[in-house]
Amino acid sequence: QIKNLVAWGETEQAKKALQQLITFCPNDEEAKSLLWVLG
């Protein structure tokens, strides 16, 4: 769903969702990487 948000240009919502995801899954490297890419 986050990748869809990014594809639709909804980067701020994607960042918020990624931050929530990392809260629950702190070792998820893909989520961390995507959050880093989004700035």
PDB file of all heavy atoms in Angstrom:
ATOM      1  N   GLN A   1       0.829  -1.206   0.000  1.00  0.00           N
ATOM      2  CA  GLN A   1       0.000   0.000   0.000  1.00  0.00           C
ATOM      3  C   GLN A   1       0.866   1.260   0.000  1.00  0.00           C
ATOM      4  O   GLN A   1       0.544   2.256  -0.656  1.00  0.00           O
ATOM      5  CB  GLN A   1      -0.949  -0.006   1.192  1.00  0.00           C
ATOM      6  CG  GLN A   1      -2.011  -1.077   1.085  1.00  0.00           C
ATOM      7  CD  GLN A   1      -2.870  -1.190   2.343  1.00  0.00           C
ATOM      8  OE1 GLN A   1      -2.557  -0.605   3.371  1.00  0.00           O
ATOM      9  NE2 GLN A   1      -3.947  -1.955   2.249  1.00  0.00           N
ATOM     10  N   ILE A   2       1.971   1.210   0.728  1.00  0.00           N
ATOM     11  CA  ILE A   2       2.882   2.358   0.781  1.00  0.00           C
ATOM     12  C   ILE A   2       3.497   2.600  -0.593  1.00  0.00           C
ATOM     13  O   ILE A   2       3.611   3.742  -1.043  1.00  0.00           O
ATOM     14  CB  ILE A   2       3.964   2.132   1.863  1.00  0.00           C
ATOM     15  CG1 ILE A   2       3.317   2.226   3.260  1.00  0.00           C
ATOM     16  CG2 ILE A   2       5.101   3.138   1.718  1.00  0.00           C
ATOM     17  CD1 ILE A   2       4.186   1.704   4.383  1.00  0.00           C
ATOM     18  N   LYS A   3       3.881   1.537  -1.256  1.00  0.00           N
ATOM     19  CA  LYS A   3       4.444   1.673  -2.604  1.00  0.00           C
ATOM     20  C   LYS A   3       3.413   2.271  -3.551  1.00  0.00           C
ATOM     21  O   LYS A   3       3.761   3.079  -4.424  1.00  0.00           O
ATOM     22  CB  LYS A   3       4.948   0.324  -3.104  1.00  0.00           C
ATOM     23  CG  LYS A   3       6.205  -0.128  -2.389  1.00  0.00           C
ATOM     24  CD  LYS A   3       6.628  -1.519  -2.826  1.00  0.00           C
ATOM     25  CE  LYS A   3       7.833  -1.989  -2.020  1.00  0.00           C
ATOM     26  NZ  LYS A   3       8.219  -3.364  -2.375  1.00  0.00           N
ATOM     27  N   ASN A   4       2.161   1.917  -3.376  1.00  0.00           N
ATOM     28  CA  ASN A   4       1.099   2.524  -4.187  1.00  0.00           C
ATOM     29  C   ASN A   4       0.982   4.012  -3.893  1.00  0.00           C
ATOM     30  O   ASN A   4       0.812   4.818  -4.808  1.00  0.00           O
ATOM     31  CB  ASN A   4      -0.243   1.830  -3.943  1.00  0.00           C
ATOM     32  CG  ASN A   4      -0.333   0.473  -4.605  1.00  0.00           C
ATOM     33  OD1 ASN A   4       0.377   0.187  -5.566  1.00  0.00           O
ATOM     34  ND2 ASN A   4      -1.195  -0.372  -4.080  1.00  0.00           N
ATOM     35  N   LEU A   5       1.067   4.380  -2.630  1.00  0.00           N
ATOM     36  CA  LEU A   5       1.019   5.799  -2.269  1.00  0.00           C
ATOM     37  C   LEU A   5       2.142   6.561  -2.951  1.00  0.00           C
ATOM     38  O   LEU A   5       1.939   7.659  -3.469  1.00  0.00           O
ATOM     39  CB  LEU A   5       1.107   5.976  -0.744  1.00  0.00           C
ATOM     40  CG  LEU A   5      -0.124   5.612   0.066  1.00  0.00           C
ATOM     41  CD1 LEU A   5       0.196   5.628   1.561  1.00  0.00           C
ATOM     42  CD2 LEU A   5      -1.274   6.549  -0.243  1.00  0.00           C
ATOM     43  N   VAL A   6       3.342   5.979  -2.939  1.00  0.00           N
ATOM     44  CA  VAL A   6       4.482   6.624  -3.591  1.00  0.00           C
ATOM     45  C   VAL A   6       4.217   6.768  -5.085  1.00  0.00           C
ATOM     46  O   VAL A   6       4.442   7.826  -5.673  1.00  0.00           O
ATOM     47  CB  VAL A   6       5.781   5.832  -3.327  1.00  0.00           C
ATOM     48  CG1 VAL A   6       6.930   6.382  -4.167  1.00  0.00           C
ATOM     49  CG2 VAL A   6       6.138   5.857  -1.843  1.00  0.00           C
ATOM     50  N   ALA A   7       3.712   5.715  -5.695  1.00  0.00           N
ATOM     51  CA  ALA A   7       3.424   5.742  -7.133  1.00  0.00           C
ATOM     52  C   ALA A   7       2.388   6.814  -7.466  1.00  0.00           C
ATOM     53  O   ALA A   7       2.441   7.406  -8.551  1.00  0.00           O
ATOM     54  CB  ALA A   7       2.948   4.367  -7.598  1.00  0.00           C
ATOM     55  N   TRP A   8       1.472   7.068  -6.551  1.00  0.00           N
ATOM     56  CA  TRP A   8       0.428   8.062  -6.768  1.00  0.00           C
ATOM     57  C   TRP A   8       0.877   9.466  -6.365  1.00  0.00           C
ATOM     58  O   TRP A   8       0.090  10.417  -6.400  1.00  0.00           O
ATOM     59  CB  TRP A   8      -0.839   7.695  -6.005  1.00  0.00           C
ATOM     60  CG  TRP A   8      -1.464   6.405  -6.457  1.00  0.00           C
ATOM     61  CD1 TRP A   8      -1.443   5.860  -7.705  1.00  0.00           C
ATOM     62  CD2 TRP A   8      -2.200   5.499  -5.641  1.00  0.00           C
ATOM     63  NE1 TRP A   8      -2.108   4.666  -7.719  1.00  0.00           N
ATOM     64  CE2 TRP A   8      -2.590   4.415  -6.460  1.00  0.00           C
ATOM     65  CE3 TRP A   8      -2.558   5.481  -4.299  1.00  0.00           C
ATOM     66  CZ2 TRP A   8      -3.323   3.333  -5.988  1.00  0.00           C
ATOM     67  CZ3 TRP A   8      -3.287   4.402  -3.824  1.00  0.00           C
ATOM     68  CH2 TRP A   8      -3.670   3.346  -4.674  1.00  0.00           C
ATOM     69  N   GLY A   9       2.123   9.584  -5.918  1.00  0.00           N
ATOM     70  CA  GLY A   9       2.650  10.886  -5.532  1.00  0.00           C
ATOM     71  C   GLY A   9       2.288  11.332  -4.129  1.00  0.00           C
ATOM     72  O   GLY A   9       2.505  12.477  -3.769  1.00  0.00           O
ATOM     73  N   GLU A  10       1.758  10.439  -3.343  1.00  0.00           N
ATOM     74  CA  GLU A  10       1.350  10.756  -1.963  1.00  0.00           C
ATOM     75  C   GLU A  10       2.504  10.456  -1.000  1.00  0.00           C
ATOM     76  O   GLU A  10       2.396   9.640  -0.094  1.00  0.00           O
ATOM     77  CB  GLU A  10       0.115   9.935  -1.577  1.00  0.00           C
ATOM     78  CG  GLU A  10      -1.089  10.181  -2.452  1.00  0.00           C
ATOM     79  CD  GLU A  10      -1.710  11.548  -2.226  1.00  0.00           C
ATOM     80  OE1 GLU A  10      -1.502  12.145  -1.158  1.00  0.00           O
ATOM     81  OE2 GLU A  10      -2.411  12.018  -3.135  1.00  0.00           O
ATOM     82  N   THR A  11       3.626  11.159  -1.196  1.00  0.00           N
ATOM     83  CA  THR A  11       4.828  10.830  -0.424  1.00  0.00           C
ATOM     84  C   THR A  11       4.701  11.137   1.064  1.00  0.00           C
ATOM     85  O   THR A  11       5.252  10.417   1.885  1.00  0.00           O
ATOM     86  CB  THR A  11       6.065  11.533  -1.004  1.00  0.00           C
ATOM     87  OG1 THR A  11       5.819  12.939  -1.059  1.00  0.00           O
ATOM     88  CG2 THR A  11       6.392  11.008  -2.388  1.00  0.00           C
ATOM     89  N   GLU A  12       3.991  12.200   1.405  1.00  0.00           N
ATOM     90  CA  GLU A  12       3.847  12.530   2.837  1.00  0.00           C
ATOM     91  C   GLU A  12       3.065  11.434   3.564  1.00  0.00           C
ATOM     92  O   GLU A  12       3.428  11.039   4.672  1.00  0.00           O
ATOM     93  CB  GLU A  12       3.192  13.897   3.026  1.00  0.00           C
ATOM     94  CG  GLU A  12       4.101  15.050   2.662  1.00  0.00           C
ATOM     95  CD  GLU A  12       5.419  15.044   3.430  1.00  0.00           C
ATOM     96  OE1 GLU A  12       5.407  14.863   4.658  1.00  0.00           O
ATOM     97  OE2 GLU A  12       6.464  15.220   2.777  1.00  0.00           O
ATOM     98  N   GLN A  13       1.993  10.957   2.947  1.00  0.00           N
ATOM     99  CA  GLN A  13       1.237   9.858   3.563  1.00  0.00           C
ATOM    100  C   GLN A  13       2.085   8.592   3.607  1.00  0.00           C
ATOM    101  O   GLN A  13       2.022   7.834   4.573  1.00  0.00           O
ATOM    102  CB  GLN A  13      -0.062   9.604   2.809  1.00  0.00           C
ATOM    103  CG  GLN A  13      -1.109  10.654   3.062  1.00  0.00           C
ATOM    104  CD  GLN A  13      -2.445  10.289   2.450  1.00  0.00           C
ATOM    105  OE1 GLN A  13      -2.565   9.335   1.691  1.00  0.00           O
ATOM    106  NE2 GLN A  13      -3.470  11.051   2.790  1.00  0.00           N
ATOM    107  N   ALA A  14       2.878   8.368   2.568  1.00  0.00           N
ATOM    108  CA  ALA A  14       3.752   7.195   2.537  1.00  0.00           C
ATOM    109  C   ALA A  14       4.776   7.265   3.664  1.00  0.00           C
ATOM    110  O   ALA A  14       5.039   6.265   4.337  1.00  0.00           O
ATOM    111  CB  ALA A  14       4.450   7.089   1.185  1.00  0.00           C
ATOM    112  N   LYS A  15       5.348   8.446   3.908  1.00  0.00           N
ATOM    113  CA  LYS A  15       6.314   8.618   4.991  1.00  0.00           C
ATOM    114  C   LYS A  15       5.679   8.298   6.340  1.00  0.00           C
ATOM    115  O   LYS A  15       6.266   7.596   7.170  1.00  0.00           O
ATOM    116  CB  LYS A  15       6.850  10.048   5.024  1.00  0.00           C
ATOM    117  CG  LYS A  15       7.811  10.376   3.916  1.00  0.00           C
ATOM    118  CD  LYS A  15       8.253  11.830   4.057  1.00  0.00           C
ATOM    119  CE  LYS A  15       8.991  12.328   2.857  1.00  0.00           C
ATOM    120  NZ  LYS A  15       9.404  13.736   3.003  1.00  0.00           N
ATOM    121  N   LYS A  16       4.474   8.827   6.564  1.00  0.00           N
ATOM    122  CA  LYS A  16       3.787   8.568   7.838  1.00  0.00           C
ATOM    123  C   LYS A  16       3.508   7.082   8.023  1.00  0.00           C
ATOM    124  O   LYS A  16       3.709   6.531   9.107  1.00  0.00           O
ATOM    125  CB  LYS A  16       2.485   9.362   7.902  1.00  0.00           C
ATOM    126  CG  LYS A  16       2.682  10.848   8.035  1.00  0.00           C
ATOM    127  CD  LYS A  16       1.353  11.593   8.002  1.00  0.00           C
ATOM    128  CE  LYS A  16       1.568  13.084   8.018  1.00  0.00           C
ATOM    129  NZ  LYS A  16       0.312  13.835   7.915  1.00  0.00           N
ATOM    130  N   ALA A  17       3.058   6.437   6.959  1.00  0.00           N
ATOM    131  CA  ALA A  17       2.770   5.002   7.039  1.00  0.00           C
ATOM    132  C   ALA A  17       4.046   4.206   7.286  1.00  0.00           C
ATOM    133  O   ALA A  17       4.056   3.254   8.068  1.00  0.00           O
ATOM    134  CB  ALA A  17       2.081   4.537   5.756  1.00  0.00           C
ATOM    135  N   LEU A  18       5.133   4.604   6.648  1.00  0.00           N
ATOM    136  CA  LEU A  18       6.413   3.914   6.857  1.00  0.00           C
ATOM    137  C   LEU A  18       6.896   4.086   8.292  1.00  0.00           C
ATOM    138  O   LEU A  18       7.415   3.146   8.897  1.00  0.00           O
ATOM    139  CB  LEU A  18       7.468   4.443   5.885  1.00  0.00           C
ATOM    140  CG  LEU A  18       7.411   3.873   4.476  1.00  0.00           C
ATOM    141  CD1 LEU A  18       8.264   4.701   3.531  1.00  0.00           C
ATOM    142  CD2 LEU A  18       7.852   2.420   4.479  1.00  0.00           C
ATOM    143  N   GLN A  19       6.745   5.277   8.829  1.00  0.00           N
ATOM    144  CA  GLN A  19       7.151   5.514  10.215  1.00  0.00           C
ATOM    145  C   GLN A  19       6.350   4.635  11.171  1.00  0.00           C
ATOM    146  O   GLN A  19       6.901   4.086  12.134  1.00  0.00           O
ATOM    147  CB  GLN A  19       7.019   6.995  10.565  1.00  0.00           C
ATOM    148  CG  GLN A  19       8.056   7.837   9.855  1.00  0.00           C
ATOM    149  CD  GLN A  19       7.773   9.324   9.908  1.00  0.00           C
ATOM    150  OE1 GLN A  19       6.634   9.757  10.094  1.00  0.00           O
ATOM    151  NE2 GLN A  19       8.816  10.123   9.717  1.00  0.00           N
ATOM    152  N   GLN A  20       5.070   4.465  10.896  1.00  0.00           N
ATOM    153  CA  GLN A  20       4.251   3.577  11.720  1.00  0.00           C
ATOM    154  C   GLN A  20       4.696   2.137  11.560  1.00  0.00           C
ATOM    155  O   GLN A  20       4.793   1.393  12.529  1.00  0.00           O
ATOM    156  CB  GLN A  20       2.777   3.715  11.355  1.00  0.00           C
ATOM    157  CG  GLN A  20       2.170   5.019  11.774  1.00  0.00           C
ATOM    158  CD  GLN A  20       0.729   5.158  11.323  1.00  0.00           C
ATOM    159  OE1 GLN A  20       0.286   4.490  10.403  1.00  0.00           O
ATOM    160  NE2 GLN A  20      -0.003   6.048  11.978  1.00  0.00           N
ATOM    161  N   LEU A  21       4.963   1.746  10.319  1.00  0.00           N
ATOM    162  CA  LEU A  21       5.399   0.380  10.060  1.00  0.00           C
ATOM    163  C   LEU A  21       6.707   0.082  10.788  1.00  0.00           C
ATOM    164  O   LEU A  21       6.854  -0.970  11.409  1.00  0.00           O
ATOM    165  CB  LEU A  21       5.573   0.152   8.552  1.00  0.00           C
ATOM    166  CG  LEU A  21       6.111  -1.214   8.117  1.00  0.00           C
ATOM    167  CD1 LEU A  21       5.197  -2.337   8.587  1.00  0.00           C
ATOM    168  CD2 LEU A  21       6.285  -1.252   6.611  1.00  0.00           C
ATOM    169  N   ILE A  22       7.635   1.016  10.750  1.00  0.00           N
ATOM    170  CA  ILE A  22       8.928   0.818  11.416  1.00  0.00           C
ATOM    171  C   ILE A  22       8.761   0.761  12.930  1.00  0.00           C
ATOM    172  O   ILE A  22       9.519   0.073  13.612  1.00  0.00           O
ATOM    173  CB  ILE A  22       9.931   1.902  10.975  1.00  0.00           C
ATOM    174  CG1 ILE A  22      10.293   1.666   9.504  1.00  0.00           C
ATOM    175  CG2 ILE A  22      11.167   1.908  11.843  1.00  0.00           C
ATOM    176  CD1 ILE A  22      11.097   2.779   8.850  1.00  0.00           C
ATOM    177  N   THR A  23       7.760   1.438  13.451  1.00  0.00           N
ATOM    178  CA  THR A  23       7.483   1.355  14.891  1.00  0.00           C
ATOM    179  C   THR A  23       7.145  -0.086  15.285  1.00  0.00           C
ATOM    180  O   THR A  23       7.584  -0.581  16.317  1.00  0.00           O
ATOM    181  CB  THR A  23       6.321   2.285  15.272  1.00  0.00           C
ATOM    182  OG1 THR A  23       6.690   3.619  14.951  1.00  0.00           O
ATOM    183  CG2 THR A  23       5.994   2.182  16.749  1.00  0.00           C
ATOM    184  N   PHE A  24       6.358  -0.755  14.436  1.00  0.00           N
ATOM    185  CA  PHE A  24       5.944  -2.119  14.731  1.00  0.00           C
ATOM    186  C   PHE A  24       6.951  -3.159  14.248  1.00  0.00           C
ATOM    187  O   PHE A  24       7.012  -4.257  14.789  1.00  0.00           O
ATOM    188  CB  PHE A  24       4.569  -2.405  14.121  1.00  0.00           C
ATOM    189  CG  PHE A  24       3.478  -1.579  14.730  1.00  0.00           C
ATOM    190  CD1 PHE A  24       2.915  -0.529  14.037  1.00  0.00           C
ATOM    191  CD2 PHE A  24       3.041  -1.833  16.017  1.00  0.00           C
ATOM    192  CE1 PHE A  24       1.919   0.252  14.609  1.00  0.00           C
ATOM    193  CE2 PHE A  24       2.048  -1.063  16.605  1.00  0.00           C
ATOM    194  CZ  PHE A  24       1.485  -0.023  15.901  1.00  0.00           C
ATOM    195  N   CYS A  25       7.702  -2.829  13.228  1.00  0.00           N
ATOM    196  CA  CYS A  25       8.686  -3.760  12.643  1.00  0.00           C
ATOM    197  C   CYS A  25      10.023  -3.032  12.520  1.00  0.00           C
ATOM    198  O   CYS A  25      10.443  -2.679  11.406  1.00  0.00           O
ATOM    199  CB  CYS A  25       8.221  -4.254  11.282  1.00  0.00           C
ATOM    200  SG  CYS A  25       6.640  -5.082  11.297  1.00  0.00           S
ATOM    201  N   PRO A  26      10.705  -2.792  13.636  1.00  0.00           N
ATOM    202  CA  PRO A  26      11.917  -1.966  13.604  1.00  0.00           C
ATOM    203  C   PRO A  26      13.083  -2.572  12.812  1.00  0.00           C
ATOM    204  O   PRO A  26      14.013  -1.857  12.461  1.00  0.00           O
ATOM    205  CB  PRO A  26      12.276  -1.819  15.083  1.00  0.00           C
ATOM    206  CG  PRO A  26      11.611  -2.950  15.767  1.00  0.00           C
ATOM    207  CD  PRO A  26      10.384  -3.261  14.966  1.00  0.00           C
ATOM    208  N   ASN A  27      13.029  -3.847  12.511  1.00  0.00           N
ATOM    209  CA  ASN A  27      14.119  -4.488  11.779  1.00  0.00           C
ATOM    210  C   ASN A  27      13.827  -4.658  10.296  1.00  0.00           C
ATOM    211  O   ASN A  27      14.563  -5.341   9.592  1.00  0.00           O
ATOM    212  CB  ASN A  27      14.445  -5.856  12.393  1.00  0.00           C
ATOM    213  CG  ASN A  27      14.928  -5.724  13.814  1.00  0.00           C
ATOM    214  OD1 ASN A  27      15.614  -4.779  14.166  1.00  0.00           O
ATOM    215  ND2 ASN A  27      14.564  -6.674  14.646  1.00  0.00           N
ATOM    216  N   ASP A  28      12.766  -4.032   9.812  1.00  0.00           N
ATOM    217  CA  ASP A  28      12.396  -4.164   8.414  1.00  0.00           C
ATOM    218  C   ASP A  28      13.279  -3.240   7.568  1.00  0.00           C
ATOM    219  O   ASP A  28      13.052  -2.038   7.486  1.00  0.00           O
ATOM    220  CB  ASP A  28      10.914  -3.823   8.212  1.00  0.00           C
ATOM    221  CG  ASP A  28      10.407  -4.185   6.836  1.00  0.00           C
ATOM    222  OD1 ASP A  28      11.118  -3.895   5.852  1.00  0.00           O
ATOM    223  OD2 ASP A  28       9.314  -4.756   6.744  1.00  0.00           O
ATOM    224  N   GLU A  29      14.285  -3.831   6.958  1.00  0.00           N
ATOM    225  CA  GLU A  29      15.257  -3.050   6.197  1.00  0.00           C
ATOM    226  C   GLU A  29      14.636  -2.406   4.949  1.00  0.00           C
ATOM    227  O   GLU A  29      15.018  -1.303   4.566  1.00  0.00           O
ATOM    228  CB  GLU A  29      16.459  -3.919   5.819  1.00  0.00           C
ATOM    229  CG  GLU A  29      17.287  -4.367   7.019  1.00  0.00           C
ATOM    230  CD  GLU A  29      17.828  -3.219   7.852  1.00  0.00           C
ATOM    231  OE1 GLU A  29      18.248  -2.197   7.271  1.00  0.00           O
ATOM    232  OE2 GLU A  29      17.834  -3.338   9.094  1.00  0.00           O
ATOM    233  N   GLU A  30      13.703  -3.094   4.326  1.00  0.00           N
ATOM    234  CA  GLU A  30      13.061  -2.528   3.137  1.00  0.00           C
ATOM    235  C   GLU A  30      12.299  -1.252   3.492  1.00  0.00           C
ATOM    236  O   GLU A  30      12.382  -0.249   2.785  1.00  0.00           O
ATOM    237  CB  GLU A  30      12.122  -3.547   2.492  1.00  0.00           C
ATOM    238  CG  GLU A  30      11.480  -3.038   1.217  1.00  0.00           C
ATOM    239  CD  GLU A  30      10.511  -4.020   0.587  1.00  0.00           C
ATOM    240  OE1 GLU A  30      10.126  -5.014   1.237  1.00  0.00           O
ATOM    241  OE2 GLU A  30      10.130  -3.777  -0.568  1.00  0.00           O
ATOM    242  N   ALA A  31      11.578  -1.287   4.600  1.00  0.00           N
ATOM    243  CA  ALA A  31      10.824  -0.108   5.033  1.00  0.00           C
ATOM    244  C   ALA A  31      11.773   1.033   5.395  1.00  0.00           C
ATOM    245  O   ALA A  31      11.536   2.183   5.024  1.00  0.00           O
ATOM    246  CB  ALA A  31       9.927  -0.459   6.218  1.00  0.00           C
ATOM    247  N   LYS A  32      12.863   0.736   6.100  1.00  0.00           N
ATOM    248  CA  LYS A  32      13.842   1.755   6.450  1.00  0.00           C
ATOM    249  C   LYS A  32      14.450   2.383   5.205  1.00  0.00           C
ATOM    250  O   LYS A  32      14.624   3.591   5.116  1.00  0.00           O
ATOM    251  CB  LYS A  32      14.938   1.160   7.319  1.00  0.00           C
ATOM    252  CG  LYS A  32      14.530   0.816   8.721  1.00  0.00           C
ATOM    253  CD  LYS A  32      15.716   0.231   9.455  1.00  0.00           C
ATOM    254  CE  LYS A  32      15.373  -0.261  10.820  1.00  0.00           C
ATOM    255  NZ  LYS A  32      16.547  -0.864  11.481  1.00  0.00           N
ATOM    256  N   SER A  33      14.765   1.531   4.246  1.00  0.00           N
ATOM    257  CA  SER A  33      15.379   2.005   3.017  1.00  0.00           C
ATOM    258  C   SER A  33      14.426   2.910   2.246  1.00  0.00           C
ATOM    259  O   SER A  33      14.825   3.972   1.755  1.00  0.00           O
ATOM    260  CB  SER A  33      15.792   0.809   2.156  1.00  0.00           C
ATOM    261  OG  SER A  33      16.305   1.229   0.934  1.00  0.00           O
ATOM    262  N   LEU A  34      13.187   2.507   2.145  1.00  0.00           N
ATOM    263  CA  LEU A  34      12.199   3.316   1.432  1.00  0.00           C
ATOM    264  C   LEU A  34      11.980   4.643   2.136  1.00  0.00           C
ATOM    265  O   LEU A  34      11.885   5.698   1.486  1.00  0.00           O
ATOM    266  CB  LEU A  34      10.879   2.564   1.280  1.00  0.00           C
ATOM    267  CG  LEU A  34       9.793   3.228   0.450  1.00  0.00           C
ATOM    268  CD1 LEU A  34      10.296   3.606  -0.937  1.00  0.00           C
ATOM    269  CD2 LEU A  34       8.587   2.308   0.331  1.00  0.00           C
ATOM    270  N   LEU A  35      11.959   4.624   3.449  1.00  0.00           N
ATOM    271  CA  LEU A  35      11.807   5.865   4.199  1.00  0.00           C
ATOM    272  C   LEU A  35      12.996   6.776   3.951  1.00  0.00           C
ATOM    273  O   LEU A  35      12.842   7.987   3.755  1.00  0.00           O
ATOM    274  CB  LEU A  35      11.652   5.564   5.700  1.00  0.00           C
ATOM    275  CG  LEU A  35      11.314   6.738   6.597  1.00  0.00           C
ATOM    276  CD1 LEU A  35       9.997   7.386   6.176  1.00  0.00           C
ATOM    277  CD2 LEU A  35      11.241   6.281   8.037  1.00  0.00           C
ATOM    278  N   TRP A  36      14.187   6.223   3.907  1.00  0.00           N
ATOM    279  CA  TRP A  36      15.390   7.004   3.623  1.00  0.00           C
ATOM    280  C   TRP A  36      15.308   7.618   2.230  1.00  0.00           C
ATOM    281  O   TRP A  36      15.630   8.786   2.035  1.00  0.00           O
ATOM    282  CB  TRP A  36      16.630   6.114   3.761  1.00  0.00           C
ATOM    283  CG  TRP A  36      17.904   6.853   3.572  1.00  0.00           C
ATOM    284  CD1 TRP A  36      18.564   7.627   4.476  1.00  0.00           C
ATOM    285  CD2 TRP A  36      18.674   6.924   2.361  1.00  0.00           C
ATOM    286  NE1 TRP A  36      19.692   8.158   3.911  1.00  0.00           N
ATOM    287  CE2 TRP A  36      19.786   7.745   2.617  1.00  0.00           C
ATOM    288  CE3 TRP A  36      18.515   6.365   1.100  1.00  0.00           C
ATOM    289  CZ2 TRP A  36      20.741   8.026   1.642  1.00  0.00           C
ATOM    290  CZ3 TRP A  36      19.480   6.641   0.138  1.00  0.00           C
ATOM    291  CH2 TRP A  36      20.564   7.454   0.409  1.00  0.00           C
ATOM    292  N   VAL A  37      14.863   6.838   1.265  1.00  0.00           N
ATOM    293  CA  VAL A  37      14.733   7.320  -0.117  1.00  0.00           C
ATOM    294  C   VAL A  37      13.738   8.476  -0.178  1.00  0.00           C
ATOM    295  O   VAL A  37      13.954   9.443  -0.920  1.00  0.00           O
ATOM    296  CB  VAL A  37      14.303   6.177  -1.063  1.00  0.00           C
ATOM    297  CG1 VAL A  37      13.866   6.706  -2.419  1.00  0.00           C
ATOM    298  CG2 VAL A  37      15.418   5.166  -1.226  1.00  0.00           C
ATOM    299  N   LEU A  38      12.701   8.404   0.621  1.00  0.00           N
ATOM    300  CA  LEU A  38      11.688   9.460   0.611  1.00  0.00           C
ATOM    301  C   LEU A  38      12.136  10.698   1.378  1.00  0.00           C
ATOM    302  O   LEU A  38      11.459  11.716   1.390  1.00  0.00           O
ATOM    303  CB  LEU A  38      10.372   8.948   1.185  1.00  0.00           C
ATOM    304  CG  LEU A  38       9.663   7.896   0.344  1.00  0.00           C
ATOM    305  CD1 LEU A  38       8.407   7.394   1.063  1.00  0.00           C
ATOM    306  CD2 LEU A  38       9.305   8.428  -1.027  1.00  0.00           C
ATOM    307  N   GLY A  39      13.268  10.590   2.073  1.00  0.00           N
ATOM    308  CA  GLY A  39      13.830  11.763   2.735  1.00  0.00           C
ATOM    309  C   GLY A  39      13.342  12.001   4.138  1.00  0.00           C
ATOM    310  O   GLY A  39      13.412  13.102   4.637  1.00  0.00           O
TER     311      GLY A  39
END
